[in-house]
Amino acid sequence: AMGASLCRSGTGSDIGAALGPGEWQVQGDSGGWTALSASDARLLDNALAKRRLTPFRACFGPHKFEYEIDLGGLKQTNIKTGRSRALRRISQAASSWHVADARRTGEAVSSWRPVADVVVASAAGNAAAPPLNLADKLPSFAEVLQALRPLHSKLGGTPWFGRRDPEICGKLKQRQLSTSSAYEYIFLTVLGFQALQTHGDEIVRRNNGGFWKSNPGTMLMEEVCGFTMHGQREGANGVVKSAPDALLQGFAIARSNG
């Protein structure tokens, strides 16, 4: 169970105001971002300032459907349909995006705004500490792997790969995954998301909405990332674009919390 449902526009005092002026946005199917309502933004700010990073439920959006809100993973999931969308918070005090950031998210040049840094609060109790600016401090996948390597023995080592780092050579098969160590599984997952960051735009370009082998985007993803996708499903392109940064943001949050 994910806990009690919060079917109201806000809870508690507006301690989210301590985060500073900002705008919460949700990612659409095309990869673009749309601002949330003031009441939804207030709910998220309050939860964020309280460091509520584990999933919780709330009535959310213009129609007040019930969603699971995951601020640790920066996403919302419709309880009824199971559809997930990425979330982000834009700081009014932040600087403009770099060109590389805009290209990675797939937004058009005309939609760039000088308020484009994601802010995640690091708070204790009801007092917000200086926020973690993820747009400035977003870690690299190399940093994620560097943090993983000291856990090599604790997580089962590399029975499949011996004395070398795990590597992706096409789609990962069930037999390999079922007998891999936790270390190998995590390492390969990080490598897959790293490849998705590099090849995501091309995967989206090739996604023709077809099923599996009839979809060139799916075939490219399996080749370079090791995992697959359901390219025919609504929102697939948005997930491809947002997934790498979601992993890095989650790592940054975990690292900032010790």
C-alpha atoms as a PDB file:
ATOM      1  CA  ALA A   1       0.000   0.000   0.000  1.00  0.00           C
ATOM      2  CA  MET A   2       1.202   3.469  -0.843  1.00  0.00           C
ATOM      3  CA  GLY A   3      -0.413   5.185   2.152  1.00  0.00           C
ATOM      4  CA  ALA A   4      -3.457   7.381   2.515  1.00  0.00           C
ATOM      5  CA  SER A   5      -4.806   9.215  -0.481  1.00  0.00           C
ATOM      6  CA  LEU A   6      -4.589  13.018  -0.313  1.00  0.00           C
ATOM      7  CA  CYS A   7      -7.638  14.064  -2.345  1.00  0.00           C
ATOM      8  CA  ARG A   8      -7.364  17.782  -1.786  1.00  0.00           C
ATOM      9  CA  SER A   9      -5.419  20.625  -3.355  1.00  0.00           C
ATOM     10  CA  GLY A  10      -2.878  21.144  -0.596  1.00  0.00           C
ATOM     11  CA  THR A  11      -1.867  20.003   2.884  1.00  0.00           C
ATOM     12  CA  GLY A  12      -0.387  21.793   5.848  1.00  0.00           C
ATOM     13  CA  SER A  13       1.247  25.199   5.752  1.00  0.00           C
ATOM     14  CA  ASP A  14       2.825  26.438   2.569  1.00  0.00           C
ATOM     15  CA  ILE A  15       6.348  25.701   3.679  1.00  0.00           C
ATOM     16  CA  GLY A  16       7.121  25.061   0.007  1.00  0.00           C
ATOM     17  CA  ALA A  17       7.396  28.836  -0.337  1.00  0.00           C
ATOM     18  CA  ALA A  18      10.811  28.476   1.294  1.00  0.00           C
ATOM     19  CA  LEU A  19      12.029  26.873  -1.918  1.00  0.00           C
ATOM     20  CA  GLY A  20      11.794  30.229  -3.675  1.00  0.00           C
ATOM     21  CA  PRO A  21       9.710  31.178  -6.725  1.00  0.00           C
ATOM     22  CA  GLY A  22       9.347  28.369  -9.193  1.00  0.00           C
ATOM     23  CA  GLU A  23       7.059  26.453 -11.522  1.00  0.00           C
ATOM     24  CA  TRP A  24       6.225  22.748 -11.543  1.00  0.00           C
ATOM     25  CA  GLN A  25       5.842  21.182 -14.977  1.00  0.00           C
ATOM     26  CA  VAL A  26       4.728  17.824 -16.366  1.00  0.00           C
ATOM     27  CA  GLN A  27       6.097  16.281 -19.573  1.00  0.00           C
ATOM     28  CA  GLY A  28       3.667  15.475 -22.376  1.00  0.00           C
ATOM     29  CA  ASP A  29       3.787  12.742 -25.003  1.00  0.00           C
ATOM     30  CA  SER A  30       5.731  14.931 -27.441  1.00  0.00           C
ATOM     31  CA  GLY A  31       8.444  15.630 -24.855  1.00  0.00           C
ATOM     32  CA  GLY A  32       7.334  19.218 -24.197  1.00  0.00           C
ATOM     33  CA  TRP A  33       6.549  20.563 -20.731  1.00  0.00           C
ATOM     34  CA  THR A  34       3.312  22.083 -19.361  1.00  0.00           C
ATOM     35  CA  ALA A  35       2.920  24.082 -16.138  1.00  0.00           C
ATOM     36  CA  LEU A  36       0.867  22.571 -13.323  1.00  0.00           C
ATOM     37  CA  SER A  37      -1.894  24.499 -11.585  1.00  0.00           C
ATOM     38  CA  ALA A  38      -1.057  26.634  -8.564  1.00  0.00           C
ATOM     39  CA  SER A  39      -2.801  24.190  -6.205  1.00  0.00           C
ATOM     40  CA  ASP A  40      -0.941  21.167  -7.614  1.00  0.00           C
ATOM     41  CA  ALA A  41       2.366  23.055  -7.456  1.00  0.00           C
ATOM     42  CA  ARG A  42       1.694  24.022  -3.834  1.00  0.00           C
ATOM     43  CA  LEU A  43       1.015  20.385  -2.933  1.00  0.00           C
ATOM     44  CA  LEU A  44       4.318  19.298  -4.502  1.00  0.00           C
ATOM     45  CA  ASP A  45       6.297  22.151  -2.920  1.00  0.00           C
ATOM     46  CA  ASN A  46       4.973  21.257   0.527  1.00  0.00           C
ATOM     47  CA  ALA A  47       5.805  17.576   0.036  1.00  0.00           C
ATOM     48  CA  LEU A  48       9.252  18.436  -1.335  1.00  0.00           C
ATOM     49  CA  ALA A  49      10.128  20.778   1.500  1.00  0.00           C
ATOM     50  CA  LYS A  50       9.213  17.982   3.924  1.00  0.00           C
ATOM     51  CA  ARG A  51      11.566  15.653   2.020  1.00  0.00           C
ATOM     52  CA  ARG A  52       8.667  13.381   1.090  1.00  0.00           C
ATOM     53  CA  LEU A  53      10.628  11.517  -1.569  1.00  0.00           C
ATOM     54  CA  THR A  54       8.857   8.167  -1.240  1.00  0.00           C
ATOM     55  CA  PRO A  55       5.741   7.696  -3.432  1.00  0.00           C
ATOM     56  CA  PHE A  56       2.416   8.946  -2.100  1.00  0.00           C
ATOM     57  CA  ARG A  57      -1.077   9.328  -3.545  1.00  0.00           C
ATOM     58  CA  ALA A  58      -2.928  12.549  -4.271  1.00  0.00           C
ATOM     59  CA  CYS A  59      -5.850  13.782  -6.356  1.00  0.00           C
ATOM     60  CA  PHE A  60      -3.986  15.715  -8.986  1.00  0.00           C
ATOM     61  CA  GLY A  61      -4.340  17.475 -12.326  1.00  0.00           C
ATOM     62  CA  PRO A  62      -7.216  19.431 -13.902  1.00  0.00           C
ATOM     63  CA  HIS A  63      -9.661  16.539 -13.452  1.00  0.00           C
ATOM     64  CA  LYS A  64      -8.385  15.583  -9.985  1.00  0.00           C
ATOM     65  CA  PHE A  65      -7.696  11.981 -10.905  1.00  0.00           C
ATOM     66  CA  GLU A  66      -5.840   9.927  -8.317  1.00  0.00           C
ATOM     67  CA  TYR A  67      -2.101   9.735  -8.957  1.00  0.00           C
ATOM     68  CA  GLU A  68       0.911   8.201  -7.325  1.00  0.00           C
ATOM     69  CA  ILE A  69       3.422  11.039  -6.908  1.00  0.00           C
ATOM     70  CA  ASP A  70       7.090  10.037  -6.793  1.00  0.00           C
ATOM     71  CA  LEU A  71       9.282  13.056  -6.047  1.00  0.00           C
ATOM     72  CA  GLY A  72      12.336  10.824  -5.662  1.00  0.00           C
ATOM     73  CA  GLY A  73      11.911   9.688  -9.263  1.00  0.00           C
ATOM     74  CA  LEU A  74      10.278  12.957 -10.394  1.00  0.00           C
ATOM     75  CA  LYS A  75       7.212  11.351 -11.972  1.00  0.00           C
ATOM     76  CA  GLN A  76       3.448  11.024 -11.590  1.00  0.00           C
ATOM     77  CA  THR A  77       1.495   7.836 -12.332  1.00  0.00           C
ATOM     78  CA  ASN A  78      -2.243   7.693 -12.962  1.00  0.00           C
ATOM     79  CA  ILE A  79      -3.574   5.021 -10.586  1.00  0.00           C
ATOM     80  CA  LYS A  80      -6.365   3.938 -12.961  1.00  0.00           C
ATOM     81  CA  THR A  81      -4.461   3.834 -16.270  1.00  0.00           C
ATOM     82  CA  GLY A  82      -0.912   3.175 -15.028  1.00  0.00           C
ATOM     83  CA  ARG A  83       0.449   5.912 -17.316  1.00  0.00           C
ATOM     84  CA  SER A  84       3.489   7.747 -15.945  1.00  0.00           C
ATOM     85  CA  ARG A  85       4.781  11.215 -16.823  1.00  0.00           C
ATOM     86  CA  ALA A  86       7.940  13.021 -15.774  1.00  0.00           C
ATOM     87  CA  LEU A  87       7.830  16.005 -13.406  1.00  0.00           C
ATOM     88  CA  ARG A  88      10.280  18.846 -12.864  1.00  0.00           C
ATOM     89  CA  ARG A  89      10.477  22.114 -10.913  1.00  0.00           C
ATOM     90  CA  ILE A  90      11.766  25.210 -12.650  1.00  0.00           C
ATOM     91  CA  SER A  91      13.437  27.830 -10.470  1.00  0.00           C
ATOM     92  CA  GLN A  92      12.631  31.459 -11.255  1.00  0.00           C
ATOM     93  CA  ALA A  93      16.075  32.415 -10.013  1.00  0.00           C
ATOM     94  CA  ALA A  94      17.901  29.963 -12.216  1.00  0.00           C
ATOM     95  CA  SER A  95      19.922  30.575 -15.320  1.00  0.00           C
ATOM     96  CA  SER A  96      19.096  29.643 -18.904  1.00  0.00           C
ATOM     97  CA  TRP A  97      19.497  26.128 -20.211  1.00  0.00           C
ATOM     98  CA  HIS A  98      22.606  25.250 -22.096  1.00  0.00           C
ATOM     99  CA  VAL A  99      22.080  24.204 -25.700  1.00  0.00           C
ATOM    100  CA  ALA A 100      22.970  20.605 -24.845  1.00  0.00           C
ATOM    101  CA  ASP A 101      20.263  20.482 -22.169  1.00  0.00           C
ATOM    102  CA  ALA A 102      17.627  21.733 -24.582  1.00  0.00           C
ATOM    103  CA  ARG A 103      18.678  19.288 -27.268  1.00  0.00           C
ATOM    104  CA  ARG A 104      18.582  16.396 -24.804  1.00  0.00           C
ATOM    105  CA  THR A 105      15.006  17.182 -23.732  1.00  0.00           C
ATOM    106  CA  GLY A 106      13.912  17.656 -27.329  1.00  0.00           C
ATOM    107  CA  GLU A 107      12.407  21.125 -26.797  1.00  0.00           C
ATOM    108  CA  ALA A 108      12.274  23.583 -29.666  1.00  0.00           C
ATOM    109  CA  VAL A 109      14.507  26.660 -29.537  1.00  0.00           C
ATOM    110  CA  SER A 110      11.395  28.857 -29.498  1.00  0.00           C
ATOM    111  CA  SER A 111      10.281  27.297 -26.205  1.00  0.00           C
ATOM    112  CA  TRP A 112      13.492  27.990 -24.258  1.00  0.00           C
ATOM    113  CA  ARG A 113      12.939  30.055 -21.135  1.00  0.00           C
ATOM    114  CA  PRO A 114      15.416  31.772 -18.764  1.00  0.00           C
ATOM    115  CA  VAL A 115      13.973  29.870 -15.800  1.00  0.00           C
ATOM    116  CA  ALA A 116      15.083  26.347 -16.501  1.00  0.00           C
ATOM    117  CA  ASP A 117      16.909  24.780 -13.536  1.00  0.00           C
ATOM    118  CA  VAL A 118      15.314  21.958 -11.590  1.00  0.00           C
ATOM    119  CA  VAL A 119      15.362  22.506  -7.823  1.00  0.00           C
ATOM    120  CA  VAL A 120      15.023  19.799  -5.206  1.00  0.00           C
ATOM    121  CA  ALA A 121      14.889  20.956  -1.603  1.00  0.00           C
ATOM    122  CA  SER A 122      17.130  19.524   1.073  1.00  0.00           C
ATOM    123  CA  ALA A 123      15.099  20.246   4.188  1.00  0.00           C
ATOM    124  CA  ALA A 124      15.015  19.255   7.837  1.00  0.00           C
ATOM    125  CA  GLY A 125      11.648  19.364   9.562  1.00  0.00           C
ATOM    126  CA  ASN A 126       9.726  22.422   8.407  1.00  0.00           C
ATOM    127  CA  ALA A 127      12.775  24.559   7.589  1.00  0.00           C
ATOM    128  CA  ALA A 128      14.120  24.339   4.049  1.00  0.00           C
ATOM    129  CA  ALA A 129      17.886  24.179   3.760  1.00  0.00           C
ATOM    130  CA  PRO A 130      19.689  25.593   0.704  1.00  0.00           C
ATOM    131  CA  PRO A 131      18.229  23.737  -2.295  1.00  0.00           C
ATOM    132  CA  LEU A 132      20.082  21.269  -4.481  1.00  0.00           C
ATOM    133  CA  ASN A 133      20.131  22.738  -7.987  1.00  0.00           C
ATOM    134  CA  LEU A 134      20.111  19.610 -10.144  1.00  0.00           C
ATOM    135  CA  ALA A 135      20.519  21.473 -13.430  1.00  0.00           C
ATOM    136  CA  ASP A 136      23.880  22.814 -12.244  1.00  0.00           C
ATOM    137  CA  LYS A 137      24.959  19.720 -10.335  1.00  0.00           C
ATOM    138  CA  LEU A 138      23.446  16.854 -12.310  1.00  0.00           C
ATOM    139  CA  PRO A 139      26.014  14.054 -12.039  1.00  0.00           C
ATOM    140  CA  SER A 140      27.360  12.079 -14.969  1.00  0.00           C
ATOM    141  CA  PHE A 141      26.829   8.386 -15.549  1.00  0.00           C
ATOM    142  CA  ALA A 142      30.560   7.938 -14.939  1.00  0.00           C
ATOM    143  CA  GLU A 143      29.997   9.253 -11.393  1.00  0.00           C
ATOM    144  CA  VAL A 144      27.162   6.772 -10.871  1.00  0.00           C
ATOM    145  CA  LEU A 145      29.401   3.897 -11.948  1.00  0.00           C
ATOM    146  CA  GLN A 146      32.231   5.211  -9.793  1.00  0.00           C
ATOM    147  CA  ALA A 147      29.929   5.137  -6.766  1.00  0.00           C
ATOM    148  CA  LEU A 148      28.844   1.596  -7.668  1.00  0.00           C
ATOM    149  CA  ARG A 149      32.298   0.012  -8.056  1.00  0.00           C
ATOM    150  CA  PRO A 150      33.168  -0.106  -4.311  1.00  0.00           C
ATOM    151  CA  LEU A 151      30.076  -2.304  -3.858  1.00  0.00           C
ATOM    152  CA  HIS A 152      31.403  -4.942  -6.286  1.00  0.00           C
ATOM    153  CA  SER A 153      31.919  -7.723  -3.729  1.00  0.00           C
ATOM    154  CA  LYS A 154      28.965  -6.802  -1.528  1.00  0.00           C
ATOM    155  CA  LEU A 155      26.576  -7.044  -4.508  1.00  0.00           C
ATOM    156  CA  GLY A 156      27.856 -10.369  -5.796  1.00  0.00           C
ATOM    157  CA  GLY A 157      30.775  -9.470  -8.057  1.00  0.00           C
ATOM    158  CA  THR A 158      30.880 -10.203 -11.789  1.00  0.00           C
ATOM    159  CA  PRO A 159      30.310 -13.937 -12.399  1.00  0.00           C
ATOM    160  CA  TRP A 160      29.352 -13.292 -16.027  1.00  0.00           C
ATOM    161  CA  PHE A 161      32.170 -10.889 -16.848  1.00  0.00           C
ATOM    162  CA  GLY A 162      35.066 -12.111 -14.728  1.00  0.00           C
ATOM    163  CA  ARG A 163      37.651  -9.440 -13.940  1.00  0.00           C
ATOM    164  CA  ARG A 164      36.265  -6.832 -16.357  1.00  0.00           C
ATOM    165  CA  ASP A 165      33.403  -4.379 -16.116  1.00  0.00           C
ATOM    166  CA  PRO A 166      30.026  -5.524 -17.422  1.00  0.00           C
ATOM    167  CA  GLU A 167      29.271  -4.393 -20.965  1.00  0.00           C
ATOM    168  CA  ILE A 168      26.264  -4.388 -23.274  1.00  0.00           C
ATOM    169  CA  CYS A 169      26.477  -6.449 -26.449  1.00  0.00           C
ATOM    170  CA  GLY A 170      22.960  -6.294 -27.816  1.00  0.00           C
ATOM    171  CA  LYS A 171      19.700  -7.134 -26.070  1.00  0.00           C
ATOM    172  CA  LEU A 172      20.192  -8.793 -22.693  1.00  0.00           C
ATOM    173  CA  LYS A 173      18.683 -12.272 -22.581  1.00  0.00           C
ATOM    174  CA  GLN A 174      16.551 -13.710 -19.797  1.00  0.00           C
ATOM    175  CA  ARG A 175      19.109 -16.427 -19.012  1.00  0.00           C
ATOM    176  CA  GLN A 176      21.867 -13.897 -18.438  1.00  0.00           C
ATOM    177  CA  LEU A 177      19.688 -11.564 -16.383  1.00  0.00           C
ATOM    178  CA  SER A 178      18.328 -14.352 -14.186  1.00  0.00           C
ATOM    179  CA  THR A 179      21.816 -15.561 -13.290  1.00  0.00           C
ATOM    180  CA  SER A 180      23.548 -12.177 -13.079  1.00  0.00           C
ATOM    181  CA  SER A 181      24.628 -10.754  -9.750  1.00  0.00           C
ATOM    182  CA  ALA A 182      22.954  -7.658  -8.338  1.00  0.00           C
ATOM    183  CA  TYR A 183      26.137  -5.745  -9.181  1.00  0.00           C
ATOM    184  CA  GLU A 184      26.022  -6.809 -12.834  1.00  0.00           C
ATOM    185  CA  TYR A 185      22.301  -6.072 -13.106  1.00  0.00           C
ATOM    186  CA  ILE A 186      22.702  -2.553 -11.703  1.00  0.00           C
ATOM    187  CA  PHE A 187      25.852  -1.855 -13.729  1.00  0.00           C
ATOM    188  CA  LEU A 188      24.169  -2.938 -16.977  1.00  0.00           C
ATOM    189  CA  THR A 189      21.109  -0.840 -16.150  1.00  0.00           C
ATOM    190  CA  VAL A 190      23.262   2.259 -15.684  1.00  0.00           C
ATOM    191  CA  LEU A 191      25.098   1.536 -18.938  1.00  0.00           C
ATOM    192  CA  GLY A 192      21.757   1.142 -20.703  1.00  0.00           C
ATOM    193  CA  PHE A 193      20.505   4.515 -19.485  1.00  0.00           C
ATOM    194  CA  GLN A 194      23.823   6.086 -20.442  1.00  0.00           C
ATOM    195  CA  ALA A 195      23.399   4.729 -23.971  1.00  0.00           C
ATOM    196  CA  LEU A 196      19.813   5.987 -23.973  1.00  0.00           C
ATOM    197  CA  GLN A 197      21.067   9.480 -23.188  1.00  0.00           C
ATOM    198  CA  THR A 198      23.417   9.271 -26.185  1.00  0.00           C
ATOM    199  CA  HIS A 199      21.064   7.623 -28.677  1.00  0.00           C
ATOM    200  CA  GLY A 200      17.653   8.727 -27.378  1.00  0.00           C
ATOM    201  CA  ASP A 201      16.996  11.300 -30.099  1.00  0.00           C
ATOM    202  CA  GLU A 202      17.733   8.763 -32.835  1.00  0.00           C
ATOM    203  CA  ILE A 203      15.586   6.117 -31.125  1.00  0.00           C
ATOM    204  CA  VAL A 204      12.680   8.564 -31.039  1.00  0.00           C
ATOM    205  CA  ARG A 205      13.275   9.524 -34.675  1.00  0.00           C
ATOM    206  CA  ARG A 206      13.147   5.861 -35.725  1.00  0.00           C
ATOM    207  CA  ASN A 207      10.126   4.990 -33.579  1.00  0.00           C
ATOM    208  CA  ASN A 208       7.392   4.317 -36.147  1.00  0.00           C
ATOM    209  CA  GLY A 209       4.843   3.128 -33.596  1.00  0.00           C
ATOM    210  CA  GLY A 210       5.217  -0.470 -34.719  1.00  0.00           C
ATOM    211  CA  PHE A 211       5.503  -3.552 -32.543  1.00  0.00           C
ATOM    212  CA  TRP A 212       8.927  -4.988 -31.667  1.00  0.00           C
ATOM    213  CA  LYS A 213      10.870  -6.087 -34.773  1.00  0.00           C
ATOM    214  CA  SER A 214       8.722  -3.956 -37.061  1.00  0.00           C
ATOM    215  CA  ASN A 215       9.909  -0.871 -35.147  1.00  0.00           C
ATOM    216  CA  PRO A 216      13.415   0.420 -36.043  1.00  0.00           C
ATOM    217  CA  GLY A 217      13.492   2.493 -32.858  1.00  0.00           C
ATOM    218  CA  THR A 218      12.936  -0.569 -30.690  1.00  0.00           C
ATOM    219  CA  MET A 219      15.631  -2.499 -32.547  1.00  0.00           C
ATOM    220  CA  LEU A 220      18.147   0.322 -32.044  1.00  0.00           C
ATOM    221  CA  MET A 221      17.313   0.517 -28.353  1.00  0.00           C
ATOM    222  CA  GLU A 222      17.867  -3.221 -27.899  1.00  0.00           C
ATOM    223  CA  GLU A 223      21.187  -3.018 -29.732  1.00  0.00           C
ATOM    224  CA  VAL A 224      22.716  -0.076 -27.851  1.00  0.00           C
ATOM    225  CA  CYS A 225      20.883  -0.121 -24.492  1.00  0.00           C
ATOM    226  CA  GLY A 226      20.321  -3.844 -23.927  1.00  0.00           C
ATOM    227  CA  PHE A 227      16.639  -3.388 -23.065  1.00  0.00           C
ATOM    228  CA  THR A 228      13.498  -2.941 -25.121  1.00  0.00           C
ATOM    229  CA  MET A 229      10.462  -0.656 -25.312  1.00  0.00           C
ATOM    230  CA  HIS A 230       6.821  -0.768 -26.382  1.00  0.00           C
ATOM    231  CA  GLY A 231       7.127   1.928 -29.018  1.00  0.00           C
ATOM    232  CA  GLN A 232       3.491   1.585 -29.980  1.00  0.00           C
ATOM    233  CA  ARG A 233       2.290   2.771 -26.580  1.00  0.00           C
ATOM    234  CA  GLU A 234       1.290   6.356 -25.921  1.00  0.00           C
ATOM    235  CA  GLY A 235       4.005   8.327 -24.174  1.00  0.00           C
ATOM    236  CA  ALA A 236       6.878   6.061 -25.235  1.00  0.00           C
ATOM    237  CA  ASN A 237       8.885   8.910 -26.784  1.00  0.00           C
ATOM    238  CA  GLY A 238       8.471  11.054 -23.683  1.00  0.00           C
ATOM    239  CA  VAL A 239       9.807   8.269 -21.480  1.00  0.00           C
ATOM    240  CA  VAL A 240      12.815   7.760 -23.778  1.00  0.00           C
ATOM    241  CA  LYS A 241      13.668  11.453 -23.525  1.00  0.00           C
ATOM    242  CA  SER A 242      13.185  11.827 -19.780  1.00  0.00           C
ATOM    243  CA  ALA A 243      14.466   8.502 -18.409  1.00  0.00           C
ATOM    244  CA  PRO A 244      18.254   9.190 -18.395  1.00  0.00           C
ATOM    245  CA  ASP A 245      17.928  12.461 -16.495  1.00  0.00           C
ATOM    246  CA  ALA A 246      15.411  10.880 -14.105  1.00  0.00           C
ATOM    247  CA  LEU A 247      18.025   8.285 -13.117  1.00  0.00           C
ATOM    248  CA  LEU A 248      20.705  10.953 -12.666  1.00  0.00           C
ATOM    249  CA  GLN A 249      18.364  13.150 -10.640  1.00  0.00           C
ATOM    250  CA  GLY A 250      17.497  10.214  -8.397  1.00  0.00           C
ATOM    251  CA  PHE A 251      21.212   9.523  -7.871  1.00  0.00           C
ATOM    252  CA  ALA A 252      21.839  13.196  -7.070  1.00  0.00           C
ATOM    253  CA  ILE A 253      19.032  13.193  -4.494  1.00  0.00           C
ATOM    254  CA  ALA A 254      20.316   9.999  -2.870  1.00  0.00           C
ATOM    255  CA  ARG A 255      23.860  11.350  -2.773  1.00  0.00           C
ATOM    256  CA  SER A 256      22.766  14.667  -1.251  1.00  0.00           C
ATOM    257  CA  ASN A 257      20.858  12.784   1.465  1.00  0.00           C
ATOM    258  CA  GLY A 258      23.934  10.716   2.314  1.00  0.00           C
END
